[in-house]
């Protein structure tokens, strides 16, 4: 998630992002991501969200962690 001014972008690796205007919509009901008038905001915030991050590496780590926790939880269930 990145924010600049009133705009907040939720960026998801490999999935659709979400854009909100927190001043006009503080409860984030209206996703503005597909509205053409916000295209430059989407580009700017997406660049910020991706700067210094390796989305694939983060995704791989999350998947590995979830798998390890699942294995641990199943092992704790017993016979």
N, C-alpha and C. Protein backbone atom coordinates (compact mmCIF):
# COMPACT_ATOMS: atom_id res chain seq x y z
N UNK A 1 0.85 -1.16 0.00
CA UNK A 1 0.00 0.00 0.00
C UNK A 1 0.90 1.23 0.00
N UNK A 2 0.54 2.18 -0.84
CA UNK A 2 1.23 3.48 -0.83
C UNK A 2 0.16 4.57 -0.85
N UNK A 3 0.56 5.70 -0.29
CA UNK A 3 -0.35 6.84 -0.25
C UNK A 3 0.42 8.10 -0.58
N UNK A 4 -0.22 8.93 -1.38
CA UNK A 4 0.30 10.26 -1.67
C UNK A 4 -0.89 11.20 -1.69
N UNK A 5 -0.86 12.18 -0.79
CA UNK A 5 -1.99 13.09 -0.68
C UNK A 5 -3.25 12.31 -0.34
N UNK A 6 -4.34 12.57 -1.04
CA UNK A 6 -5.59 11.87 -0.71
C UNK A 6 -5.69 10.47 -1.32
N UNK A 7 -4.74 10.12 -2.18
CA UNK A 7 -4.87 8.87 -2.93
C UNK A 7 -4.10 7.72 -2.27
N UNK A 8 -4.76 6.60 -2.18
CA UNK A 8 -4.18 5.38 -1.61
C UNK A 8 -4.30 4.27 -2.65
N UNK A 9 -3.17 3.62 -2.92
CA UNK A 9 -3.15 2.49 -3.85
C UNK A 9 -2.80 1.23 -3.09
N UNK A 10 -3.65 0.21 -3.22
CA UNK A 10 -3.33 -1.13 -2.73
C UNK A 10 -2.83 -1.91 -3.93
N UNK A 11 -1.56 -2.25 -3.90
CA UNK A 11 -0.93 -2.94 -5.04
C UNK A 11 -0.71 -4.39 -4.66
N UNK A 12 -1.20 -5.30 -5.53
CA UNK A 12 -1.08 -6.73 -5.29
C UNK A 12 -0.32 -7.35 -6.45
N UNK A 13 0.74 -8.08 -6.15
CA UNK A 13 1.54 -8.71 -7.19
C UNK A 13 0.70 -9.72 -7.97
N UNK A 14 0.62 -9.50 -9.27
CA UNK A 14 -0.10 -10.43 -10.13
C UNK A 14 -1.62 -10.32 -10.07
N UNK A 15 -2.12 -9.35 -9.34
CA UNK A 15 -3.56 -9.17 -9.22
C UNK A 15 -3.92 -7.71 -9.46
N UNK A 16 -5.20 -7.46 -9.55
CA UNK A 16 -5.71 -6.11 -9.80
C UNK A 16 -5.46 -5.21 -8.58
N UNK A 17 -4.95 -4.02 -8.84
CA UNK A 17 -4.75 -3.04 -7.76
C UNK A 17 -6.05 -2.32 -7.47
N UNK A 18 -6.05 -1.55 -6.38
CA UNK A 18 -7.20 -0.74 -5.99
C UNK A 18 -6.71 0.67 -5.71
N UNK A 19 -7.51 1.66 -6.09
CA UNK A 19 -7.18 3.06 -5.83
C UNK A 19 -8.36 3.74 -5.15
N UNK A 20 -8.07 4.49 -4.09
CA UNK A 20 -9.11 5.20 -3.36
C UNK A 20 -8.70 6.65 -3.12
N UNK A 21 -9.69 7.51 -3.07
CA UNK A 21 -9.50 8.91 -2.67
C UNK A 21 -9.99 8.99 -1.23
N UNK A 22 -9.07 9.03 -0.29
CA UNK A 22 -9.43 8.95 1.12
C UNK A 22 -10.12 10.20 1.64
N UNK A 23 -9.94 11.33 0.97
CA UNK A 23 -10.65 12.53 1.40
C UNK A 23 -12.13 12.44 1.01
N UNK A 24 -12.40 12.03 -0.21
CA UNK A 24 -13.78 11.93 -0.70
C UNK A 24 -14.46 10.65 -0.24
N UNK A 25 -13.68 9.62 0.05
CA UNK A 25 -14.22 8.29 0.36
C UNK A 25 -13.37 7.63 1.45
N UNK A 26 -13.46 8.13 2.69
CA UNK A 26 -12.58 7.63 3.76
C UNK A 26 -12.78 6.16 4.12
N UNK A 27 -13.93 5.59 3.75
CA UNK A 27 -14.20 4.19 4.07
C UNK A 27 -13.89 3.25 2.91
N UNK A 28 -13.33 3.82 1.84
CA UNK A 28 -12.86 3.04 0.69
C UNK A 28 -13.96 2.18 0.06
N UNK A 29 -15.05 2.82 -0.28
CA UNK A 29 -16.15 2.11 -0.94
C UNK A 29 -16.03 2.15 -2.46
N UNK A 30 -15.45 3.24 -3.02
CA UNK A 30 -15.40 3.41 -4.47
C UNK A 30 -13.98 3.24 -4.99
N UNK A 31 -13.74 2.13 -5.65
CA UNK A 31 -12.44 1.84 -6.26
C UNK A 31 -12.33 2.65 -7.57
N UNK A 32 -11.30 3.48 -7.65
CA UNK A 32 -11.13 4.39 -8.79
C UNK A 32 -10.14 3.87 -9.83
N UNK A 33 -9.65 2.66 -9.67
CA UNK A 33 -8.54 2.15 -10.48
C UNK A 33 -8.81 2.20 -11.98
N UNK A 34 -10.04 2.01 -12.41
CA UNK A 34 -10.35 1.96 -13.84
C UNK A 34 -10.84 3.28 -14.41
N UNK A 35 -10.89 4.31 -13.60
CA UNK A 35 -11.36 5.61 -14.09
C UNK A 35 -10.21 6.32 -14.81
N UNK A 36 -10.42 6.66 -16.09
CA UNK A 36 -9.34 7.25 -16.90
C UNK A 36 -8.71 8.50 -16.29
N UNK A 37 -9.48 9.31 -15.59
CA UNK A 37 -8.94 10.55 -15.03
C UNK A 37 -7.92 10.31 -13.92
N UNK A 38 -7.82 9.08 -13.43
CA UNK A 38 -6.86 8.74 -12.38
C UNK A 38 -5.66 7.95 -12.91
N UNK A 39 -5.54 7.80 -14.21
CA UNK A 39 -4.47 6.99 -14.80
C UNK A 39 -3.09 7.46 -14.36
N UNK A 40 -2.85 8.76 -14.35
CA UNK A 40 -1.52 9.25 -13.96
C UNK A 40 -1.23 8.98 -12.49
N UNK A 41 -2.26 9.05 -11.65
CA UNK A 41 -2.10 8.75 -10.22
C UNK A 41 -1.77 7.27 -10.07
N UNK A 42 -2.46 6.42 -10.81
CA UNK A 42 -2.20 4.97 -10.74
C UNK A 42 -0.77 4.67 -11.15
N UNK A 43 -0.31 5.26 -12.25
CA UNK A 43 1.07 5.03 -12.70
C UNK A 43 2.08 5.47 -11.65
N UNK A 44 1.89 6.67 -11.11
CA UNK A 44 2.82 7.21 -10.12
C UNK A 44 2.87 6.34 -8.87
N UNK A 45 1.71 5.99 -8.34
CA UNK A 45 1.68 5.20 -7.11
C UNK A 45 2.14 3.76 -7.34
N UNK A 46 1.87 3.22 -8.50
CA UNK A 46 2.36 1.88 -8.82
C UNK A 46 3.87 1.87 -8.87
N UNK A 47 4.46 2.89 -9.48
CA UNK A 47 5.93 3.00 -9.49
C UNK A 47 6.48 3.07 -8.07
N UNK A 48 5.82 3.84 -7.24
CA UNK A 48 6.26 3.94 -5.84
C UNK A 48 6.15 2.58 -5.13
N UNK A 49 5.05 1.88 -5.37
CA UNK A 49 4.82 0.59 -4.70
C UNK A 49 5.84 -0.45 -5.11
N UNK A 50 6.29 -0.38 -6.35
CA UNK A 50 7.21 -1.39 -6.87
C UNK A 50 8.68 -1.03 -6.66
N UNK A 51 8.97 0.19 -6.30
CA UNK A 51 10.34 0.64 -6.14
C UNK A 51 11.02 -0.08 -4.97
N UNK A 52 12.02 -0.86 -5.28
CA UNK A 52 12.79 -1.55 -4.25
C UNK A 52 12.18 -2.87 -3.78
N UNK A 53 11.10 -3.31 -4.40
CA UNK A 53 10.44 -4.53 -3.99
C UNK A 53 10.47 -5.55 -5.13
N UNK A 54 10.67 -6.80 -4.78
CA UNK A 54 10.61 -7.89 -5.75
C UNK A 54 9.32 -8.66 -5.47
N UNK A 55 8.28 -8.31 -6.22
CA UNK A 55 6.96 -8.90 -5.97
C UNK A 55 6.95 -10.40 -6.04
N UNK A 56 7.68 -10.98 -6.98
CA UNK A 56 7.69 -12.43 -7.10
C UNK A 56 8.37 -13.08 -5.90
N UNK A 57 9.45 -12.49 -5.42
CA UNK A 57 10.15 -13.03 -4.25
C UNK A 57 9.26 -12.96 -3.01
N UNK A 58 8.54 -11.87 -2.85
CA UNK A 58 7.62 -11.74 -1.71
C UNK A 58 6.52 -12.78 -1.81
N UNK A 59 5.95 -12.93 -2.99
CA UNK A 59 4.90 -13.93 -3.21
C UNK A 59 5.42 -15.33 -2.88
N UNK A 60 6.60 -15.66 -3.38
CA UNK A 60 7.18 -16.98 -3.13
C UNK A 60 7.39 -17.22 -1.64
N UNK A 61 7.85 -16.21 -0.91
CA UNK A 61 8.07 -16.34 0.53
C UNK A 61 6.75 -16.55 1.27
N UNK A 62 5.72 -15.82 0.88
CA UNK A 62 4.42 -15.97 1.51
C UNK A 62 3.87 -17.38 1.27
N UNK A 63 3.97 -17.87 0.04
CA UNK A 63 3.47 -19.21 -0.27
C UNK A 63 4.23 -20.28 0.52
N UNK A 64 5.55 -20.13 0.61
CA UNK A 64 6.37 -21.08 1.37
C UNK A 64 5.97 -21.05 2.85
N UNK A 65 5.79 -19.87 3.40
CA UNK A 65 5.42 -19.74 4.80
C UNK A 65 4.05 -20.36 5.07
N UNK A 66 3.10 -20.12 4.18
CA UNK A 66 1.77 -20.70 4.37
C UNK A 66 1.82 -22.22 4.32
N UNK A 67 2.62 -22.76 3.42
CA UNK A 67 2.76 -24.21 3.31
C UNK A 67 3.38 -24.79 4.57
N UNK A 68 4.41 -24.11 5.10
CA UNK A 68 5.06 -24.59 6.32
C UNK A 68 4.10 -24.55 7.50
N UNK A 69 3.30 -23.50 7.60
CA UNK A 69 2.33 -23.41 8.70
C UNK A 69 1.24 -24.46 8.57
N UNK A 70 0.82 -24.76 7.37
CA UNK A 70 -0.18 -25.79 7.15
C UNK A 70 0.34 -27.16 7.57
N UNK A 71 1.58 -27.44 7.18
CA UNK A 71 2.21 -28.71 7.56
C UNK A 71 2.32 -28.80 9.08
N UNK A 72 2.74 -27.72 9.72
CA UNK A 72 2.87 -27.70 11.19
C UNK A 72 1.53 -27.89 11.85
N UNK A 73 0.48 -27.20 11.35
CA UNK A 73 -0.85 -27.31 11.95
C UNK A 73 -1.38 -28.73 11.80
N UNK A 74 -1.17 -29.35 10.66
CA UNK A 74 -1.65 -30.72 10.46
C UNK A 74 -0.89 -31.68 11.39
N UNK A 75 0.39 -31.42 11.60
CA UNK A 75 1.18 -32.27 12.50
C UNK A 75 0.74 -32.16 13.94
N UNK A 76 0.19 -31.01 14.30
CA UNK A 76 -0.25 -30.79 15.68
C UNK A 76 -1.63 -31.41 15.93
N UNK A 77 -2.33 -31.79 14.86
CA UNK A 77 -3.66 -32.39 15.01
C UNK A 77 -3.60 -33.78 15.61
N UNK A 78 -2.49 -34.44 15.40
CA UNK A 78 -2.36 -35.80 15.93
C UNK A 78 -3.00 -36.81 15.00
N UNK A 79 -2.99 -38.08 15.43
CA UNK A 79 -3.55 -39.15 14.59
C UNK A 79 -5.05 -39.08 14.42
